[in-house]
All heavy atoms as atom14 arrays in JSON, in Angstrom:
{
  "sequence": "TDYEEWTQHTLENKRRAPFAYDEDEEYIKPQKVIERIGEMTNGDA",
  "atom14_mask": [
    [1, 1, 1, 1, 1, 1, 1, 0, 0, 0, 0, 0, 0, 0],
    [1, 1, 1, 1, 1, 1, 1, 1, 0, 0, 0, 0, 0, 0],
    [1, 1, 1, 1, 1, 1, 1, 1, 1, 1, 1, 1, 0, 0],
    [1, 1, 1, 1, 1, 1, 1, 1, 1, 0, 0, 0, 0, 0],
    [1, 1, 1, 1, 1, 1, 1, 1, 1, 0, 0, 0, 0, 0],
    [1, 1, 1, 1, 1, 1, 1, 1, 1, 1, 1, 1, 1, 1],
    [1, 1, 1, 1, 1, 1, 1, 0, 0, 0, 0, 0, 0, 0],
    [1, 1, 1, 1, 1, 1, 1, 1, 1, 0, 0, 0, 0, 0],
    [1, 1, 1, 1, 1, 1, 1, 1, 1, 1, 0, 0, 0, 0],
    [1, 1, 1, 1, 1, 1, 1, 0, 0, 0, 0, 0, 0, 0],
    [1, 1, 1, 1, 1, 1, 1, 1, 0, 0, 0, 0, 0, 0],
    [1, 1, 1, 1, 1, 1, 1, 1, 1, 0, 0, 0, 0, 0],
    [1, 1, 1, 1, 1, 1, 1, 1, 0, 0, 0, 0, 0, 0],
    [1, 1, 1, 1, 1, 1, 1, 1, 1, 0, 0, 0, 0, 0],
    [1, 1, 1, 1, 1, 1, 1, 1, 1, 1, 1, 0, 0, 0],
    [1, 1, 1, 1, 1, 1, 1, 1, 1, 1, 1, 0, 0, 0],
    [1, 1, 1, 1, 1, 0, 0, 0, 0, 0, 0, 0, 0, 0],
    [1, 1, 1, 1, 1, 1, 1, 0, 0, 0, 0, 0, 0, 0],
    [1, 1, 1, 1, 1, 1, 1, 1, 1, 1, 1, 0, 0, 0],
    [1, 1, 1, 1, 1, 0, 0, 0, 0, 0, 0, 0, 0, 0],
    [1, 1, 1, 1, 1, 1, 1, 1, 1, 1, 1, 1, 0, 0],
    [1, 1, 1, 1, 1, 1, 1, 1, 0, 0, 0, 0, 0, 0],
    [1, 1, 1, 1, 1, 1, 1, 1, 1, 0, 0, 0, 0, 0],
    [1, 1, 1, 1, 1, 1, 1, 1, 0, 0, 0, 0, 0, 0],
    [1, 1, 1, 1, 1, 1, 1, 1, 1, 0, 0, 0, 0, 0],
    [1, 1, 1, 1, 1, 1, 1, 1, 1, 0, 0, 0, 0, 0],
    [1, 1, 1, 1, 1, 1, 1, 1, 1, 1, 1, 1, 0, 0],
    [1, 1, 1, 1, 1, 1, 1, 1, 0, 0, 0, 0, 0, 0],
    [1, 1, 1, 1, 1, 1, 1, 1, 1, 0, 0, 0, 0, 0],
    [1, 1, 1, 1, 1, 1, 1, 0, 0, 0, 0, 0, 0, 0],
    [1, 1, 1, 1, 1, 1, 1, 1, 1, 0, 0, 0, 0, 0],
    [1, 1, 1, 1, 1, 1, 1, 1, 1, 0, 0, 0, 0, 0],
    [1, 1, 1, 1, 1, 1, 1, 0, 0, 0, 0, 0, 0, 0],
    [1, 1, 1, 1, 1, 1, 1, 1, 0, 0, 0, 0, 0, 0],
    [1, 1, 1, 1, 1, 1, 1, 1, 1, 0, 0, 0, 0, 0],
    [1, 1, 1, 1, 1, 1, 1, 1, 1, 1, 1, 0, 0, 0],
    [1, 1, 1, 1, 1, 1, 1, 1, 0, 0, 0, 0, 0, 0],
    [1, 1, 1, 1, 0, 0, 0, 0, 0, 0, 0, 0, 0, 0],
    [1, 1, 1, 1, 1, 1, 1, 1, 1, 0, 0, 0, 0, 0],
    [1, 1, 1, 1, 1, 1, 1, 1, 0, 0, 0, 0, 0, 0],
    [1, 1, 1, 1, 1, 1, 1, 0, 0, 0, 0, 0, 0, 0],
    [1, 1, 1, 1, 1, 1, 1, 1, 0, 0, 0, 0, 0, 0],
    [1, 1, 1, 1, 0, 0, 0, 0, 0, 0, 0, 0, 0, 0],
    [1, 1, 1, 1, 1, 1, 1, 1, 0, 0, 0, 0, 0, 0],
    [1, 1, 1, 1, 1, 0, 0, 0, 0, 0, 0, 0, 0, 0]
  ],
  "atom14_positions": [
    [[60.62, 88.64, -1.85], [60.88, 89.81, -1.01], [62.28, 90.35, -1.28], [63.14, 89.63, -1.82], [60.74, 89.47, 0.48], [61.69, 88.45, 0.82], [59.33, 89.0, 0.81], [0.0, 0.0, 0.0], [0.0, 0.0, 0.0], [0.0, 0.0, 0.0], [0.0, 0.0, 0.0], [0.0, 0.0, 0.0], [0.0, 0.0, 0.0], [0.0, 0.0, 0.0]],
    [[62.51, 91.59, -0.86], [63.82, 92.21, -1.08], [64.1, 93.2, 0.04], [63.9, 94.41, -0.12], [63.85, 92.92, -2.44], [65.21, 93.56, -2.72], [66.2, 93.14, -2.09], [65.26, 94.5, -3.53], [0.0, 0.0, 0.0], [0.0, 0.0, 0.0], [0.0, 0.0, 0.0], [0.0, 0.0, 0.0], [0.0, 0.0, 0.0], [0.0, 0.0, 0.0]],
    [[64.53, 92.68, 1.2], [64.83, 93.59, 2.32], [65.92, 93.02, 3.23], [66.0, 93.36, 4.4], [63.56, 93.86, 3.14], [62.76, 92.63, 3.5], [63.19, 91.74, 4.48], [61.58, 92.33, 2.83], [62.47, 90.61, 4.8], [60.85, 91.2, 3.14], [61.29, 90.35, 4.12], [60.57, 89.21, 4.43], [0.0, 0.0, 0.0], [0.0, 0.0, 0.0]],
    [[66.79, 92.19, 2.69], [67.84, 91.59, 3.52], [68.75, 92.67, 4.12], [69.24, 92.52, 5.26], [68.65, 90.59, 2.71], [69.75, 89.88, 3.5], [69.21, 89.05, 4.67], [68.02, 88.64, 4.63], [69.98, 88.82, 5.63], [0.0, 0.0, 0.0], [0.0, 0.0, 0.0], [0.0, 0.0, 0.0], [0.0, 0.0, 0.0], [0.0, 0.0, 0.0]],
    [[68.94, 93.75, 3.41], [69.76, 94.84, 3.94], [69.14, 95.4, 5.23], [69.85, 95.71, 6.2], [69.91, 95.95, 2.9], [70.82, 97.07, 3.34], [70.99, 98.13, 2.25], [70.76, 97.81, 1.07], [71.37, 99.28, 2.59], [0.0, 0.0, 0.0], [0.0, 0.0, 0.0], [0.0, 0.0, 0.0], [0.0, 0.0, 0.0], [0.0, 0.0, 0.0]],
    [[67.82, 95.5, 5.24], [67.1, 95.97, 6.43], [67.26, 95.0, 7.6], [67.55, 95.4, 8.73], [65.63, 96.16, 6.1], [64.69, 96.1, 7.28], [63.87, 95.06, 7.61], [64.46, 97.1, 8.28], [63.14, 95.35, 8.74], [63.48, 96.6, 9.17], [64.99, 98.37, 8.5], [63.04, 97.32, 10.27], [64.54, 99.1, 9.6], [63.57, 98.57, 10.47]],
    [[67.09, 93.73, 7.31], [67.24, 92.72, 8.36], [68.63, 92.79, 8.97], [68.79, 92.75, 10.2], [66.95, 91.31, 7.8], [65.61, 91.26, 7.31], [67.12, 90.25, 8.88], [0.0, 0.0, 0.0], [0.0, 0.0, 0.0], [0.0, 0.0, 0.0], [0.0, 0.0, 0.0], [0.0, 0.0, 0.0], [0.0, 0.0, 0.0], [0.0, 0.0, 0.0]],
    [[69.63, 92.92, 8.12], [71.0, 93.0, 8.64], [71.21, 94.29, 9.45], [71.93, 94.28, 10.46], [71.99, 92.96, 7.47], [72.07, 91.61, 6.79], [72.44, 90.48, 7.76], [73.25, 90.66, 8.67], [71.85, 89.31, 7.56], [0.0, 0.0, 0.0], [0.0, 0.0, 0.0], [0.0, 0.0, 0.0], [0.0, 0.0, 0.0], [0.0, 0.0, 0.0]],
    [[70.54, 95.35, 9.04], [70.63, 96.62, 9.78], [70.07, 96.46, 11.19], [70.69, 96.91, 12.17], [69.86, 97.71, 9.02], [69.6, 98.95, 9.82], [70.6, 99.84, 10.17], [68.44, 99.45, 10.34], [70.08, 100.83, 10.86], [68.77, 100.62, 11.0], [0.0, 0.0, 0.0], [0.0, 0.0, 0.0], [0.0, 0.0, 0.0], [0.0, 0.0, 0.0]],
    [[68.93, 95.8, 11.32], [68.34, 95.61, 12.66], [69.21, 94.69, 13.51], [69.34, 94.9, 14.73], [66.92, 95.03, 12.56], [66.95, 93.71, 11.98], [66.0, 95.93, 11.74], [0.0, 0.0, 0.0], [0.0, 0.0, 0.0], [0.0, 0.0, 0.0], [0.0, 0.0, 0.0], [0.0, 0.0, 0.0], [0.0, 0.0, 0.0], [0.0, 0.0, 0.0]],
    [[69.8, 93.68, 12.9], [70.66, 92.77, 13.65], [71.96, 93.45, 14.07], [72.52, 93.14, 15.12], [70.95, 91.51, 12.82], [69.72, 90.67, 12.44], [70.15, 89.43, 11.65], [68.92, 90.26, 13.67], [0.0, 0.0, 0.0], [0.0, 0.0, 0.0], [0.0, 0.0, 0.0], [0.0, 0.0, 0.0], [0.0, 0.0, 0.0], [0.0, 0.0, 0.0]],
    [[72.44, 94.38, 13.25], [73.62, 95.15, 13.63], [73.31, 96.06, 14.82], [74.14, 96.22, 15.73], [74.1, 95.99, 12.44], [75.26, 96.92, 12.74], [76.52, 96.19, 13.19], [76.63, 94.96, 13.02], [77.43, 96.88, 13.73], [0.0, 0.0, 0.0], [0.0, 0.0, 0.0], [0.0, 0.0, 0.0], [0.0, 0.0, 0.0], [0.0, 0.0, 0.0]],
    [[72.1, 96.64, 14.86], [71.68, 97.42, 16.02], [71.64, 96.55, 17.28], [72.0, 97.0, 18.37], [70.32, 98.05, 15.78], [70.39, 99.31, 14.95], [71.45, 99.91, 14.8], [69.26, 99.72, 14.4], [0.0, 0.0, 0.0], [0.0, 0.0, 0.0], [0.0, 0.0, 0.0], [0.0, 0.0, 0.0], [0.0, 0.0, 0.0], [0.0, 0.0, 0.0]],
    [[71.19, 95.31, 17.1], [71.16, 94.37, 18.23], [72.57, 94.09, 18.74], [72.8, 94.03, 19.96], [70.48, 93.07, 17.76], [70.4, 91.96, 18.78], [69.73, 90.74, 18.14], [69.75, 89.54, 19.05], [69.11, 88.36, 18.41], [0.0, 0.0, 0.0], [0.0, 0.0, 0.0], [0.0, 0.0, 0.0], [0.0, 0.0, 0.0], [0.0, 0.0, 0.0]],
    [[73.52, 93.97, 17.82], [74.91, 93.72, 18.22], [75.52, 94.96, 18.87], [76.26, 94.87, 19.86], [75.74, 93.33, 16.99], [77.17, 92.91, 17.33], [78.11, 93.02, 16.15], [78.32, 94.4, 15.75], [79.11, 95.26, 16.4], [79.76, 94.88, 17.49], [79.26, 96.5, 15.96], [0.0, 0.0, 0.0], [0.0, 0.0, 0.0], [0.0, 0.0, 0.0]],
    [[75.2, 96.14, 18.32], [75.8, 97.38, 18.8], [75.33, 97.76, 20.2], [76.08, 98.35, 20.97], [75.46, 98.54, 17.85], [76.16, 98.52, 16.51], [75.67, 99.68, 15.66], [75.93, 100.98, 16.3], [75.09, 102.01, 16.27], [73.9, 101.9, 15.68], [75.42, 103.15, 16.85], [0.0, 0.0, 0.0], [0.0, 0.0, 0.0], [0.0, 0.0, 0.0]],
    [[74.08, 97.46, 20.51], [73.53, 97.96, 21.78], [72.66, 96.9, 22.46], [71.45, 97.05, 22.57], [72.72, 99.23, 21.53], [0.0, 0.0, 0.0], [0.0, 0.0, 0.0], [0.0, 0.0, 0.0], [0.0, 0.0, 0.0], [0.0, 0.0, 0.0], [0.0, 0.0, 0.0], [0.0, 0.0, 0.0], [0.0, 0.0, 0.0], [0.0, 0.0, 0.0]],
    [[73.28, 95.82, 22.92], [72.51, 94.84, 23.69], [72.18, 95.42, 25.07], [72.74, 96.44, 25.47], [73.47, 93.66, 23.82], [74.83, 94.3, 23.8], [74.71, 95.48, 22.86], [0.0, 0.0, 0.0], [0.0, 0.0, 0.0], [0.0, 0.0, 0.0], [0.0, 0.0, 0.0], [0.0, 0.0, 0.0], [0.0, 0.0, 0.0], [0.0, 0.0, 0.0]],
    [[71.26, 94.77, 25.77], [71.04, 95.18, 27.17], [72.36, 95.01, 27.91], [73.03, 93.97, 27.8], [69.97, 94.3, 27.81], [68.58, 94.57, 27.29], [67.82, 93.55, 26.73], [68.02, 95.84, 27.38], [66.54, 93.78, 26.26], [66.74, 96.08, 26.91], [65.99, 95.06, 26.34], [0.0, 0.0, 0.0], [0.0, 0.0, 0.0], [0.0, 0.0, 0.0]],
    [[72.74, 96.03, 28.68], [74.05, 96.0, 29.34], [73.99, 96.77, 30.64], [73.02, 97.5, 30.91], [75.12, 96.59, 28.42], [0.0, 0.0, 0.0], [0.0, 0.0, 0.0], [0.0, 0.0, 0.0], [0.0, 0.0, 0.0], [0.0, 0.0, 0.0], [0.0, 0.0, 0.0], [0.0, 0.0, 0.0], [0.0, 0.0, 0.0], [0.0, 0.0, 0.0]],
    [[75.02, 96.6, 31.44], [75.09, 97.31, 32.72], [76.56, 97.46, 33.11], [77.43, 96.73, 32.65], [74.33, 96.56, 33.81], [74.8, 95.13, 34.01], [75.78, 94.81, 34.96], [74.26, 94.09, 33.25], [76.22, 93.51, 35.13], [74.69, 92.79, 33.42], [75.66, 92.5, 34.35], [76.1, 91.21, 34.53], [0.0, 0.0, 0.0], [0.0, 0.0, 0.0]],
    [[76.83, 98.44, 33.96], [78.18, 98.66, 34.46], [78.43, 97.8, 35.69], [77.53, 97.59, 36.51], [78.37, 100.13, 34.83], [78.26, 101.05, 33.63], [78.71, 100.64, 32.54], [77.71, 102.16, 33.78], [0.0, 0.0, 0.0], [0.0, 0.0, 0.0], [0.0, 0.0, 0.0], [0.0, 0.0, 0.0], [0.0, 0.0, 0.0], [0.0, 0.0, 0.0]],
    [[79.63, 97.31, 35.82], [79.99, 96.54, 37.01], [80.11, 97.48, 38.22], [80.31, 98.69, 38.08], [81.31, 95.8, 36.79], [81.24, 94.7, 35.73], [80.41, 93.51, 36.17], [80.14, 93.38, 37.4], [80.02, 92.7, 35.31], [0.0, 0.0, 0.0], [0.0, 0.0, 0.0], [0.0, 0.0, 0.0], [0.0, 0.0, 0.0], [0.0, 0.0, 0.0]],
    [[79.97, 96.9, 39.42], [80.02, 97.69, 40.65], [80.71, 96.84, 41.71], [80.31, 95.71, 41.98], [78.6, 98.04, 41.09], [78.57, 99.07, 42.22], [79.49, 99.05, 43.07], [77.63, 99.88, 42.26], [0.0, 0.0, 0.0], [0.0, 0.0, 0.0], [0.0, 0.0, 0.0], [0.0, 0.0, 0.0], [0.0, 0.0, 0.0], [0.0, 0.0, 0.0]],
    [[81.75, 97.37, 42.31], [82.47, 96.62, 43.33], [81.82, 96.71, 44.69], [82.08, 95.89, 45.57], [83.92, 97.14, 43.42], [84.74, 96.87, 42.17], [86.17, 97.33, 42.33], [86.51, 97.88, 43.4], [86.96, 97.13, 41.38], [0.0, 0.0, 0.0], [0.0, 0.0, 0.0], [0.0, 0.0, 0.0], [0.0, 0.0, 0.0], [0.0, 0.0, 0.0]],
    [[80.94, 97.7, 44.88], [80.32, 97.91, 46.19], [78.98, 97.19, 46.3], [78.68, 96.6, 47.35], [80.12, 99.4, 46.44], [79.52, 99.71, 47.81], [79.38, 101.21, 48.05], [79.73, 102.0, 47.14], [78.89, 101.59, 49.14], [0.0, 0.0, 0.0], [0.0, 0.0, 0.0], [0.0, 0.0, 0.0], [0.0, 0.0, 0.0], [0.0, 0.0, 0.0]],
    [[78.17, 97.24, 45.24], [76.83, 96.66, 45.29], [76.68, 95.53, 44.27], [77.25, 95.58, 43.18], [75.77, 97.73, 44.99], [75.59, 98.76, 46.08], [76.14, 100.03, 45.95], [74.86, 98.47, 47.23], [75.98, 100.99, 46.94], [74.69, 99.41, 48.23], [75.24, 100.67, 48.08], [75.07, 101.6, 49.06], [0.0, 0.0, 0.0], [0.0, 0.0, 0.0]],
    [[75.87, 94.56, 44.62], [75.5, 93.51, 43.67], [74.6, 94.12, 42.61], [73.68, 94.89, 42.92], [74.77, 92.36, 44.39], [75.72, 91.62, 45.33], [74.16, 91.39, 43.38], [75.05, 90.57, 46.19], [0.0, 0.0, 0.0], [0.0, 0.0, 0.0], [0.0, 0.0, 0.0], [0.0, 0.0, 0.0], [0.0, 0.0, 0.0], [0.0, 0.0, 0.0]],
    [[74.87, 93.8, 41.36], [74.05, 94.31, 40.27], [72.87, 93.37, 40.05], [73.05, 92.16, 39.84], [74.87, 94.41, 38.99], [76.08, 95.31, 39.1], [75.68, 96.76, 39.28], [75.24, 97.39, 37.99], [75.11, 98.87, 38.09], [0.0, 0.0, 0.0], [0.0, 0.0, 0.0], [0.0, 0.0, 0.0], [0.0, 0.0, 0.0], [0.0, 0.0, 0.0]],
    [[71.64, 93.88, 40.1], [70.47, 93.01, 39.91], [70.46, 92.33, 38.55], [70.01, 91.18, 38.42], [69.29, 93.96, 40.08], [69.85, 95.33, 39.81], [71.26, 95.29, 40.31], [0.0, 0.0, 0.0], [0.0, 0.0, 0.0], [0.0, 0.0, 0.0], [0.0, 0.0, 0.0], [0.0, 0.0, 0.0], [0.0, 0.0, 0.0], [0.0, 0.0, 0.0]],
    [[70.98, 93.02, 37.54], [71.02, 92.43, 36.2], [71.9, 91.18, 36.19], [71.58, 90.19, 35.54], [71.55, 93.46, 35.19], [70.77, 94.76, 35.15], [71.32, 95.84, 36.07], [71.89, 95.53, 37.12], [71.17, 97.1, 35.68], [0.0, 0.0, 0.0], [0.0, 0.0, 0.0], [0.0, 0.0, 0.0], [0.0, 0.0, 0.0], [0.0, 0.0, 0.0]],
    [[72.99, 91.26, 36.93], [73.92, 90.11, 36.99], [73.27, 88.93, 37.71], [73.48, 87.77, 37.34], [75.2, 90.52, 37.7], [76.29, 89.45, 37.66], [77.62, 89.97, 38.18], [78.72, 88.91, 38.02], [80.05, 89.44, 38.43], [0.0, 0.0, 0.0], [0.0, 0.0, 0.0], [0.0, 0.0, 0.0], [0.0, 0.0, 0.0], [0.0, 0.0, 0.0]],
    [[72.46, 89.22, 38.74], [71.75, 88.15, 39.44], [70.86, 87.39, 38.47], [70.85, 86.15, 38.42], [70.89, 88.74, 40.59], [70.02, 87.66, 41.21], [71.78, 89.4, 41.63], [0.0, 0.0, 0.0], [0.0, 0.0, 0.0], [0.0, 0.0, 0.0], [0.0, 0.0, 0.0], [0.0, 0.0, 0.0], [0.0, 0.0, 0.0], [0.0, 0.0, 0.0]],
    [[70.11, 88.14, 37.66], [69.18, 87.5, 36.72], [69.94, 86.76, 35.63], [69.58, 85.64, 35.26], [68.23, 88.56, 36.15], [67.33, 89.09, 37.27], [67.4, 88.0, 35.01], [66.63, 90.39, 36.97], [0.0, 0.0, 0.0], [0.0, 0.0, 0.0], [0.0, 0.0, 0.0], [0.0, 0.0, 0.0], [0.0, 0.0, 0.0], [0.0, 0.0, 0.0]],
    [[71.01, 87.36, 35.13], [71.86, 86.69, 34.14], [72.39, 85.37, 34.67], [72.34, 84.33, 33.99], [73.04, 87.58, 33.76], [72.81, 88.48, 32.59], [74.09, 89.19, 32.18], [75.06, 89.25, 32.96], [74.11, 89.72, 31.05], [0.0, 0.0, 0.0], [0.0, 0.0, 0.0], [0.0, 0.0, 0.0], [0.0, 0.0, 0.0], [0.0, 0.0, 0.0]],
    [[72.91, 85.4, 35.89], [73.51, 84.21, 36.47], [72.46, 83.12, 36.69], [72.7, 81.94, 36.4], [74.2, 84.56, 37.8], [74.78, 83.37, 38.55], [75.75, 82.59, 37.7], [76.2, 81.38, 38.36], [76.66, 80.3, 37.73], [76.74, 80.29, 36.4], [77.06, 79.24, 38.41], [0.0, 0.0, 0.0], [0.0, 0.0, 0.0], [0.0, 0.0, 0.0]],
    [[71.3, 83.49, 37.18], [70.24, 82.49, 37.38], [69.78, 81.94, 36.03], [69.45, 80.76, 35.91], [69.08, 83.09, 38.19], [69.56, 83.35, 39.63], [67.86, 82.18, 38.18], [68.55, 84.05, 40.5], [0.0, 0.0, 0.0], [0.0, 0.0, 0.0], [0.0, 0.0, 0.0], [0.0, 0.0, 0.0], [0.0, 0.0, 0.0], [0.0, 0.0, 0.0]],
    [[69.79, 82.78, 35.01], [69.49, 82.29, 33.66], [70.47, 81.23, 33.22], [70.1, 80.22, 32.62], [0.0, 0.0, 0.0], [0.0, 0.0, 0.0], [0.0, 0.0, 0.0], [0.0, 0.0, 0.0], [0.0, 0.0, 0.0], [0.0, 0.0, 0.0], [0.0, 0.0, 0.0], [0.0, 0.0, 0.0], [0.0, 0.0, 0.0], [0.0, 0.0, 0.0]],
    [[71.76, 81.45, 33.52], [72.79, 80.46, 33.18], [72.59, 79.18, 33.99], [72.69, 78.07, 33.46], [74.17, 81.03, 33.46], [74.56, 82.2, 32.56], [75.79, 82.94, 33.07], [76.32, 82.54, 34.14], [76.22, 83.9, 32.41], [0.0, 0.0, 0.0], [0.0, 0.0, 0.0], [0.0, 0.0, 0.0], [0.0, 0.0, 0.0], [0.0, 0.0, 0.0]],
    [[72.32, 79.32, 35.28], [72.17, 78.16, 36.16], [70.98, 77.3, 35.78], [71.0, 76.08, 35.96], [72.05, 78.61, 37.61], [73.3, 79.29, 38.16], [73.02, 80.0, 39.8], [72.85, 78.51, 40.79], [0.0, 0.0, 0.0], [0.0, 0.0, 0.0], [0.0, 0.0, 0.0], [0.0, 0.0, 0.0], [0.0, 0.0, 0.0], [0.0, 0.0, 0.0]],
    [[69.93, 77.93, 35.25], [68.71, 77.2, 34.88], [68.67, 76.9, 33.38], [67.65, 76.38, 32.89], [67.46, 77.99, 35.28], [67.5, 79.29, 34.65], [67.38, 78.17, 36.78], [0.0, 0.0, 0.0], [0.0, 0.0, 0.0], [0.0, 0.0, 0.0], [0.0, 0.0, 0.0], [0.0, 0.0, 0.0], [0.0, 0.0, 0.0], [0.0, 0.0, 0.0]],
    [[69.75, 77.23, 32.68], [69.85, 76.97, 31.24], [68.72, 77.65, 30.47], [68.33, 77.19, 29.4], [69.85, 75.46, 30.97], [70.31, 75.14, 29.55], [71.15, 75.83, 28.99], [69.71, 74.11, 28.96], [0.0, 0.0, 0.0], [0.0, 0.0, 0.0], [0.0, 0.0, 0.0], [0.0, 0.0, 0.0], [0.0, 0.0, 0.0], [0.0, 0.0, 0.0]],
    [[68.2, 78.73, 31.01], [67.12, 79.46, 30.33], [65.81, 78.72, 30.25], [64.92, 79.09, 29.48], [0.0, 0.0, 0.0], [0.0, 0.0, 0.0], [0.0, 0.0, 0.0], [0.0, 0.0, 0.0], [0.0, 0.0, 0.0], [0.0, 0.0, 0.0], [0.0, 0.0, 0.0], [0.0, 0.0, 0.0], [0.0, 0.0, 0.0], [0.0, 0.0, 0.0]],
    [[65.65, 77.67, 31.07], [64.46, 76.81, 30.97], [63.45, 77.02, 32.09], [62.36, 76.44, 32.05], [64.88, 75.34, 30.99], [65.57, 74.92, 29.7], [65.14, 75.38, 28.63], [66.54, 74.15, 29.77], [0.0, 0.0, 0.0], [0.0, 0.0, 0.0], [0.0, 0.0, 0.0], [0.0, 0.0, 0.0], [0.0, 0.0, 0.0], [0.0, 0.0, 0.0]],
    [[63.77, 77.82, 33.11], [62.86, 77.96, 34.24], [61.62, 78.76, 33.86], [61.65, 79.61, 32.96], [63.57, 78.66, 35.4], [0.0, 0.0, 0.0], [0.0, 0.0, 0.0], [0.0, 0.0, 0.0], [0.0, 0.0, 0.0], [0.0, 0.0, 0.0], [0.0, 0.0, 0.0], [0.0, 0.0, 0.0], [0.0, 0.0, 0.0], [0.0, 0.0, 0.0]]
  ]
}
């Protein structure tokens, strides 16, 4: 096969634009809740 450049391109897109959210001082962010529980359960739940 010959497409390593393509694979690297898709992985660069993954690095450039991961799932993300803005922080909020007034409200709890639901994304952060899920992230934190993922850390607490080591991604195994």
